[in-house]
Amino acid sequence: MQESELKSVQITVAGRTFPLKVTQQESSMVSLIEENINRKITGFQDQYKSRDKMDCVLMALIDDAFQQPANNTATAFSAPHDADIVLQEINVLLDAMGS
């Protein structure tokens, strides 16, 4: 995919904002992904009060990765595409942890 075909967007996860480059098709999913991840993080924070925020972020991403195969009929995207989105989310957050 060429750089010119990508759109720059911002996503906020666990109070941190990250830039992403996505295709036009992926851009329609960004807010849904952002909402879903943040809702899961909040749920894990409520459930596991002794865990720090980053633990809850990772639990949410792991949970999401395992949910993708079960939800593949609920979306127009193929399973490999869903996996790419999850991997992109994980990579962004792992990069942020390093900074």
Protein backbone atom coordinates (compact mmCIF):
# COMPACT_ATOMS: atom_id res chain seq x y z
CA MET A 1 0.00 0.00 0.00
CA GLN A 2 1.33 3.40 -0.90
CA GLU A 3 1.71 6.16 1.67
CA SER A 4 -0.53 8.44 -0.41
CA GLU A 5 -3.41 5.99 0.02
CA LEU A 6 -3.25 6.30 3.82
CA LYS A 7 -5.10 8.79 5.98
CA SER A 8 -3.66 10.18 9.24
CA VAL A 9 -5.97 9.86 12.25
CA GLN A 10 -5.65 10.14 16.01
CA ILE A 11 -6.81 7.51 18.48
CA THR A 12 -6.97 7.94 22.25
CA VAL A 13 -6.49 4.82 24.35
CA ALA A 14 -6.22 4.85 28.13
CA GLY A 15 -5.89 8.63 28.11
CA ARG A 16 -3.04 8.68 25.60
CA THR A 17 -3.34 9.91 22.03
CA PHE A 18 -1.61 8.07 19.20
CA PRO A 19 -1.29 8.89 15.51
CA LEU A 20 -2.27 6.18 13.05
CA LYS A 21 -2.15 5.88 9.29
CA VAL A 22 -5.09 3.93 7.97
CA THR A 23 -6.84 3.21 4.72
CA GLN A 24 -10.17 4.86 3.97
CA GLN A 25 -11.90 1.58 4.79
CA GLU A 26 -10.08 1.28 8.13
CA SER A 27 -10.81 4.90 9.07
CA SER A 28 -14.49 4.07 9.50
CA MET A 29 -13.51 1.53 12.15
CA VAL A 30 -11.17 3.75 14.20
CA SER A 31 -13.78 5.26 16.54
CA LEU A 32 -15.41 1.87 17.10
CA ILE A 33 -12.06 0.28 17.92
CA GLU A 34 -11.16 3.19 20.20
CA GLU A 35 -14.49 2.94 22.05
CA ASN A 36 -14.26 -0.83 22.39
CA ILE A 37 -10.69 -0.80 23.74
CA ASN A 38 -11.39 1.99 26.23
CA ARG A 39 -14.58 0.27 27.44
CA LYS A 40 -12.66 -2.96 28.00
CA ILE A 41 -9.84 -1.14 29.80
CA THR A 42 -12.36 0.52 32.12
CA GLY A 43 -14.03 -2.84 32.74
CA PHE A 44 -10.72 -4.47 33.67
CA GLN A 45 -9.83 -1.50 35.91
CA ASP A 46 -13.15 -1.94 37.72
CA GLN A 47 -12.71 -5.70 37.98
CA TYR A 48 -9.02 -5.73 38.96
CA LYS A 49 -8.52 -2.68 41.16
CA SER A 50 -5.04 -3.77 42.26
CA ARG A 51 -3.73 -3.82 38.67
CA ASP A 52 -2.13 -0.77 37.12
CA LYS A 53 -3.54 0.86 33.99
CA MET A 54 -1.03 -0.72 31.61
CA ASP A 55 -1.95 -4.21 32.87
CA CYS A 56 -5.57 -3.40 32.07
CA VAL A 57 -4.61 -2.07 28.62
CA LEU A 58 -2.82 -5.29 27.80
CA MET A 59 -5.63 -7.46 29.18
CA ALA A 60 -8.08 -5.53 26.99
CA LEU A 61 -5.95 -6.03 23.89
CA ILE A 62 -5.46 -9.72 24.60
CA ASP A 63 -9.19 -10.13 25.18
CA ASP A 64 -9.91 -8.29 21.93
CA ALA A 65 -7.48 -10.50 20.02
CA PHE A 66 -9.29 -13.62 21.24
CA GLN A 67 -12.73 -12.13 20.50
CA GLN A 68 -11.95 -11.31 16.86
CA PRO A 69 -12.40 -14.85 15.49
CA ALA A 70 -15.76 -15.15 17.27
CA ASN A 71 -16.98 -11.85 15.84
CA ASN A 72 -15.90 -12.34 12.23
CA THR A 73 -19.50 -12.65 11.06
CA ALA A 74 -20.44 -9.35 12.70
CA THR A 75 -18.22 -7.29 10.43
CA ALA A 76 -17.68 -6.87 6.73
CA PHE A 77 -13.92 -7.32 7.15
CA SER A 78 -12.10 -10.59 6.70
CA ALA A 79 -10.38 -12.35 9.62
CA PRO A 80 -6.86 -11.50 8.34
CA HIS A 81 -7.89 -7.84 8.15
CA ASP A 82 -9.23 -7.98 11.72
CA ALA A 83 -5.97 -9.53 12.88
CA ASP A 84 -4.06 -6.72 11.19
CA ILE A 85 -6.10 -4.12 13.08
CA VAL A 86 -5.53 -5.86 16.41
CA LEU A 87 -1.80 -6.19 15.73
CA GLN A 88 -1.65 -2.52 14.78
CA GLU A 89 -3.37 -1.59 18.07
CA ILE A 90 -0.98 -3.75 20.07
CA ASN A 91 2.07 -2.31 18.31
CA VAL A 92 0.96 1.28 18.93
CA LEU A 93 0.46 0.61 22.62
CA LEU A 94 3.70 -1.33 22.99
CA ASP A 95 5.54 1.56 21.32
CA ALA A 96 3.91 3.96 23.76
CA MET A 97 4.96 1.80 26.71
CA GLY A 98 8.56 2.13 25.57
CA SER A 99 8.44 5.93 25.70
